[in-house]
PDB file of all heavy atoms in Angstrom:
ATOM      1  N   GLN A   1     195.695 103.524  24.864  1.00  0.00           N
ATOM      2  CA  GLN A   1     196.004 103.807  23.453  1.00  0.00           C
ATOM      3  C   GLN A   1     196.465 105.247  23.249  1.00  0.00           C
ATOM      4  O   GLN A   1     197.359 105.498  22.425  1.00  0.00           O
ATOM      5  CB  GLN A   1     194.764 103.509  22.619  1.00  0.00           C
ATOM      6  CG  GLN A   1     194.449 102.027  22.567  1.00  0.00           C
ATOM      7  CD  GLN A   1     193.233 101.732  21.689  1.00  0.00           C
ATOM      8  OE1 GLN A   1     193.368 101.569  20.475  1.00  0.00           O
ATOM      9  NE2 GLN A   1     192.050 101.670  22.300  1.00  0.00           N
ATOM     10  N   LYS A   2     195.939 106.167  24.032  1.00  0.00           N
ATOM     11  CA  LYS A   2     196.408 107.569  23.942  1.00  0.00           C
ATOM     12  C   LYS A   2     197.868 107.681  24.322  1.00  0.00           C
ATOM     13  O   LYS A   2     198.647 108.389  23.682  1.00  0.00           O
ATOM     14  CB  LYS A   2     195.544 108.476  24.799  1.00  0.00           C
ATOM     15  CG  LYS A   2     194.198 108.808  24.239  1.00  0.00           C
ATOM     16  CD  LYS A   2     193.450 109.758  25.137  1.00  0.00           C
ATOM     17  CE  LYS A   2     192.120 110.172  24.558  1.00  0.00           C
ATOM     18  NZ  LYS A   2     191.366 111.092  25.448  1.00  0.00           N
ATOM     19  N   ALA A   3     198.272 106.964  25.383  1.00  0.00           N
ATOM     20  CA  ALA A   3     199.662 106.983  25.820  1.00  0.00           C
ATOM     21  C   ALA A   3     200.583 106.426  24.741  1.00  0.00           C
ATOM     22  O   ALA A   3     201.642 106.989  24.443  1.00  0.00           O
ATOM     23  CB  ALA A   3     199.825 106.206  27.134  1.00  0.00           C
ATOM     24  N   LEU A   4     200.160 105.317  24.146  1.00  0.00           N
ATOM     25  CA  LEU A   4     200.971 104.726  23.097  1.00  0.00           C
ATOM     26  C   LEU A   4     201.011 105.592  21.834  1.00  0.00           C
ATOM     27  O   LEU A   4     202.065 105.754  21.227  1.00  0.00           O
ATOM     28  CB  LEU A   4     200.410 103.343  22.717  1.00  0.00           C
ATOM     29  CG  LEU A   4     200.516 102.274  23.821  1.00  0.00           C
ATOM     30  CD1 LEU A   4     199.646 101.056  23.489  1.00  0.00           C
ATOM     31  CD2 LEU A   4     201.969 101.823  24.010  1.00  0.00           C
ATOM     32  N   TYR A   5     199.870 106.183  21.496  1.00  0.00           N
ATOM     33  CA  TYR A   5     199.832 107.078  20.324  1.00  0.00           C
ATOM     34  C   TYR A   5     200.745 108.292  20.550  1.00  0.00           C
ATOM     35  O   TYR A   5     201.436 108.725  19.622  1.00  0.00           O
ATOM     36  CB  TYR A   5     198.382 107.538  20.079  1.00  0.00           C
ATOM     37  CG  TYR A   5     198.279 108.495  18.908  1.00  0.00           C
ATOM     38  CD1 TYR A   5     198.161 108.019  17.628  1.00  0.00           C
ATOM     39  CD2 TYR A   5     198.289 109.859  19.121  1.00  0.00           C
ATOM     40  CE1 TYR A   5     198.058 108.891  16.545  1.00  0.00           C
ATOM     41  CE2 TYR A   5     198.196 110.763  18.041  1.00  0.00           C
ATOM     42  CZ  TYR A   5     198.089 110.256  16.765  1.00  0.00           C
ATOM     43  OH  TYR A   5     198.003 111.125  15.712  1.00  0.00           O
ATOM     44  N   THR A   6     200.752 108.828  21.746  1.00  0.00           N
ATOM     45  CA  THR A   6     201.596 109.984  22.067  1.00  0.00           C
ATOM     46  C   THR A   6     203.059 109.662  21.841  1.00  0.00           C
ATOM     47  O   THR A   6     203.833 110.445  21.295  1.00  0.00           O
ATOM     48  CB  THR A   6     201.347 110.466  23.488  1.00  0.00           C
ATOM     49  OG1 THR A   6     199.972 110.860  23.609  1.00  0.00           O
ATOM     50  CG2 THR A   6     202.260 111.645  23.852  1.00  0.00           C
ATOM     51  N   ILE A   7     203.461 108.472  22.282  1.00  0.00           N
ATOM     52  CA  ILE A   7     204.836 108.017  22.094  1.00  0.00           C
ATOM     53  C   ILE A   7     205.170 107.944  20.590  1.00  0.00           C
ATOM     54  O   ILE A   7     206.182 108.483  20.126  1.00  0.00           O
ATOM     55  CB  ILE A   7     205.080 106.655  22.762  1.00  0.00           C
ATOM     56  CG1 ILE A   7     205.003 106.780  24.280  1.00  0.00           C
ATOM     57  CG2 ILE A   7     206.442 106.064  22.359  1.00  0.00           C
ATOM     58  CD1 ILE A   7     204.960 105.452  24.995  1.00  0.00           C
ATOM     59  N   CYS A   8     204.268 107.301  19.832  1.00  0.00           N
ATOM     60  CA  CYS A   8     204.531 107.115  18.406  1.00  0.00           C
ATOM     61  C   CYS A   8     204.527 108.444  17.667  1.00  0.00           C
ATOM     62  O   CYS A   8     205.388 108.700  16.822  1.00  0.00           O
ATOM     63  CB  CYS A   8     203.442 106.214  17.807  1.00  0.00           C
ATOM     64  SG  CYS A   8     203.461 104.521  18.448  1.00  0.00           S
ATOM     65  N   ASN A   9     203.565 109.317  18.007  1.00  0.00           N
ATOM     66  CA  ASN A   9     203.421 110.589  17.305  1.00  0.00           C
ATOM     67  C   ASN A   9     204.591 111.503  17.575  1.00  0.00           C
ATOM     68  O   ASN A   9     204.939 112.358  16.737  1.00  0.00           O
ATOM     69  CB  ASN A   9     202.125 111.247  17.736  1.00  0.00           C
ATOM     70  CG  ASN A   9     201.716 112.378  16.828  1.00  0.00           C
ATOM     71  OD1 ASN A   9     201.780 112.246  15.612  1.00  0.00           O
ATOM     72  ND2 ASN A   9     201.269 113.502  17.409  1.00  0.00           N
ATOM     73  N   GLY A  10     205.256 111.334  18.715  1.00  0.00           N
ATOM     74  CA  GLY A  10     206.382 112.171  19.064  1.00  0.00           C
ATOM     75  C   GLY A  10     207.726 111.626  18.640  1.00  0.00           C
ATOM     76  O   GLY A  10     208.739 112.264  18.861  1.00  0.00           O
ATOM     77  N   ALA A  11     207.731 110.426  18.084  1.00  0.00           N
ATOM     78  CA  ALA A  11     208.994 109.784  17.704  1.00  0.00           C
ATOM     79  C   ALA A  11     209.444 110.197  16.311  1.00  0.00           C
ATOM     80  O   ALA A  11     208.635 110.209  15.380  1.00  0.00           O
ATOM     81  CB  ALA A  11     208.853 108.246  17.767  1.00  0.00           C
ATOM     82  N   LYS A  12     210.705 110.535  16.184  1.00  0.00           N
ATOM     83  CA  LYS A  12     211.221 110.989  14.887  1.00  0.00           C
ATOM     84  C   LYS A  12     211.303 109.875  13.875  1.00  0.00           C
ATOM     85  O   LYS A  12     211.275 110.121  12.667  1.00  0.00           O
ATOM     86  CB  LYS A  12     212.625 111.580  15.107  1.00  0.00           C
ATOM     87  CG  LYS A  12     212.632 112.885  15.903  1.00  0.00           C
ATOM     88  CD  LYS A  12     214.020 113.443  16.050  1.00  0.00           C
ATOM     89  CE  LYS A  12     214.030 114.747  16.826  1.00  0.00           C
ATOM     90  NZ  LYS A  12     215.405 115.298  16.996  1.00  0.00           N
ATOM     91  N   ASN A  13     211.393 108.624  14.328  1.00  0.00           N
ATOM     92  CA  ASN A  13     211.545 107.528  13.390  1.00  0.00           C
ATOM     93  C   ASN A  13     210.234 106.801  13.079  1.00  0.00           C
ATOM     94  O   ASN A  13     210.238 105.775  12.412  1.00  0.00           O
ATOM     95  CB  ASN A  13     212.562 106.520  13.923  1.00  0.00           C
ATOM     96  CG  ASN A  13     212.067 105.824  15.186  1.00  0.00           C
ATOM     97  OD1 ASN A  13     211.515 106.463  16.060  1.00  0.00           O
ATOM     98  ND2 ASN A  13     212.311 104.526  15.283  1.00  0.00           N
ATOM     99  N   VAL A  14     209.085 107.316  13.587  1.00  0.00           N
ATOM    100  CA  VAL A  14     207.799 106.654  13.386  1.00  0.00           C
ATOM    101  C   VAL A  14     206.870 107.588  12.616  1.00  0.00           C
ATOM    102  O   VAL A  14     206.658 108.751  13.005  1.00  0.00           O
ATOM    103  CB  VAL A  14     207.152 106.245  14.721  1.00  0.00           C
ATOM    104  CG1 VAL A  14     205.771 105.637  14.463  1.00  0.00           C
ATOM    105  CG2 VAL A  14     208.031 105.266  15.478  1.00  0.00           C
ATOM    106  N   ASP A  15     206.330 107.117  11.515  1.00  0.00           N
ATOM    107  CA  ASP A  15     205.305 107.823  10.766  1.00  0.00           C
ATOM    108  C   ASP A  15     203.966 107.113  10.959  1.00  0.00           C
ATOM    109  O   ASP A  15     203.911 105.871  10.989  1.00  0.00           O
ATOM    110  CB  ASP A  15     205.619 107.864   9.269  1.00  0.00           C
ATOM    111  CG  ASP A  15     206.761 108.811   8.934  1.00  0.00           C
ATOM    112  OD1 ASP A  15     207.088 109.658   9.796  1.00  0.00           O
ATOM    113  OD2 ASP A  15     207.341 108.703   7.841  1.00  0.00           O
ATOM    114  N   LEU A  16     202.916 107.902  11.116  1.00  0.00           N
ATOM    115  CA  LEU A  16     201.582 107.356  11.329  1.00  0.00           C
ATOM    116  C   LEU A  16     200.676 107.733  10.128  1.00  0.00           C
ATOM    117  O   LEU A  16     200.644 108.884   9.718  1.00  0.00           O
ATOM    118  CB  LEU A  16     200.988 107.955  12.605  1.00  0.00           C
ATOM    119  CG  LEU A  16     201.768 107.745  13.890  1.00  0.00           C
ATOM    120  CD1 LEU A  16     201.122 108.508  15.047  1.00  0.00           C
ATOM    121  CD2 LEU A  16     201.873 106.246  14.225  1.00  0.00           C
ATOM    122  N   LYS A  17     199.991 106.756   9.597  1.00  0.00           N
ATOM    123  CA  LYS A  17     199.029 106.980   8.514  1.00  0.00           C
ATOM    124  C   LYS A  17     197.661 106.460   8.929  1.00  0.00           C
ATOM    125  O   LYS A  17     197.462 105.261   9.039  1.00  0.00           O
ATOM    126  CB  LYS A  17     199.506 106.273   7.227  1.00  0.00           C
ATOM    127  CG  LYS A  17     200.621 106.991   6.485  1.00  0.00           C
ATOM    128  CD  LYS A  17     200.905 106.331   5.145  1.00  0.00           C
ATOM    129  CE  LYS A  17     201.986 107.055   4.361  1.00  0.00           C
ATOM    130  NZ  LYS A  17     201.541 108.371   3.871  1.00  0.00           N
ATOM    131  N   ALA A  18     196.750 107.390   9.219  1.00  0.00           N
ATOM    132  CA  ALA A  18     195.364 107.028   9.529  1.00  0.00           C
ATOM    133  C   ALA A  18     194.509 107.059   8.270  1.00  0.00           C
ATOM    134  O   ALA A  18     194.899 107.638   7.247  1.00  0.00           O
ATOM    135  CB  ALA A  18     194.801 107.978  10.581  1.00  0.00           C
ATOM    136  N   ASN A  19     193.323 106.419   8.370  1.00  0.00           N
ATOM    137  CA  ASN A  19     192.398 106.398   7.248  1.00  0.00           C
ATOM    138  C   ASN A  19     193.064 105.965   5.944  1.00  0.00           C
ATOM    139  O   ASN A  19     192.839 106.557   4.884  1.00  0.00           O
ATOM    140  CB  ASN A  19     191.724 107.761   7.108  1.00  0.00           C
ATOM    141  CG  ASN A  19     190.979 108.193   8.340  1.00  0.00           C
ATOM    142  OD1 ASN A  19     190.075 107.499   8.779  1.00  0.00           O
ATOM    143  ND2 ASN A  19     191.356 109.310   8.930  1.00  0.00           N
ATOM    144  N   THR A  20     193.866 104.917   6.099  1.00  0.00           N
ATOM    145  CA  THR A  20     194.692 104.441   4.968  1.00  0.00           C
ATOM    146  C   THR A  20     194.530 102.943   4.793  1.00  0.00           C
ATOM    147  O   THR A  20     195.308 102.168   5.347  1.00  0.00           O
ATOM    148  CB  THR A  20     196.170 104.808   5.177  1.00  0.00           C
ATOM    149  OG1 THR A  20     196.297 106.193   5.433  1.00  0.00           O
ATOM    150  CG2 THR A  20     197.007 104.433   3.963  1.00  0.00           C
ATOM    151  N   PRO A  21     193.502 102.486   4.107  1.00  0.00           N
ATOM    152  CA  PRO A  21     193.335 101.057   3.871  1.00  0.00           C
ATOM    153  C   PRO A  21     194.463 100.470   3.031  1.00  0.00           C
ATOM    154  O   PRO A  21     194.931 101.108   2.092  1.00  0.00           O
ATOM    155  CB  PRO A  21     191.980 100.958   3.150  1.00  0.00           C
ATOM    156  CG  PRO A  21     191.314 102.268   3.377  1.00  0.00           C
ATOM    157  CD  PRO A  21     192.414 103.302   3.518  1.00  0.00           C
ATOM    158  N   VAL A  22     194.901  99.298   3.383  1.00  0.00           N
ATOM    159  CA  VAL A  22     195.898  98.567   2.597  1.00  0.00           C
ATOM    160  C   VAL A  22     195.144  97.806   1.512  1.00  0.00           C
ATOM    161  O   VAL A  22     194.208  97.069   1.786  1.00  0.00           O
ATOM    162  CB  VAL A  22     196.700  97.610   3.493  1.00  0.00           C
ATOM    163  CG1 VAL A  22     197.566  96.675   2.645  1.00  0.00           C
ATOM    164  CG2 VAL A  22     197.573  98.402   4.465  1.00  0.00           C
ATOM    165  N   THR A  23     195.578  98.008   0.268  1.00  0.00           N
ATOM    166  CA  THR A  23     194.861  97.393  -0.854  1.00  0.00           C
ATOM    167  C   THR A  23     195.657  96.262  -1.500  1.00  0.00           C
ATOM    168  O   THR A  23     195.121  95.531  -2.341  1.00  0.00           O
ATOM    169  CB  THR A  23     194.535  98.447  -1.933  1.00  0.00           C
ATOM    170  OG1 THR A  23     195.728  99.145  -2.309  1.00  0.00           O
ATOM    171  CG2 THR A  23     193.522  99.450  -1.368  1.00  0.00           C
ATOM    172  N   ASN A  24     196.928  96.127  -1.110  1.00  0.00           N
ATOM    173  CA  ASN A  24     197.704  95.008  -1.652  1.00  0.00           C
ATOM    174  C   ASN A  24     199.007  94.849  -0.857  1.00  0.00           C
ATOM    175  O   ASN A  24     199.522  95.827  -0.325  1.00  0.00           O
ATOM    176  CB  ASN A  24     198.042  95.191  -3.114  1.00  0.00           C
ATOM    177  CG  ASN A  24     198.516  93.891  -3.780  1.00  0.00           C
ATOM    178  OD1 ASN A  24     198.143  92.804  -3.354  1.00  0.00           O
ATOM    179  ND2 ASN A  24     199.316  94.008  -4.831  1.00  0.00           N
ATOM    180  N   ILE A  25     199.494  93.613  -0.755  1.00  0.00           N
ATOM    181  CA  ILE A  25     200.808  93.332  -0.198  1.00  0.00           C
ATOM    182  C   ILE A  25     201.465  92.313  -1.099  1.00  0.00           C
ATOM    183  O   ILE A  25     200.876  91.284  -1.408  1.00  0.00           O
ATOM    184  CB  ILE A  25     200.741  92.773   1.225  1.00  0.00           C
ATOM    185  CG1 ILE A  25     199.975  93.742   2.159  1.00  0.00           C
ATOM    186  CG2 ILE A  25     202.153  92.537   1.791  1.00  0.00           C
ATOM    187  CD1 ILE A  25     199.733  93.170   3.549  1.00  0.00           C
TER     188      ILE A  25
END
């Protein structure tokens, strides 16, 4: 998971939102 997170965190086209519950779709 650290390896995958590092890829995502370093990508210009990927935004990461932690501690963010989804309340509606």
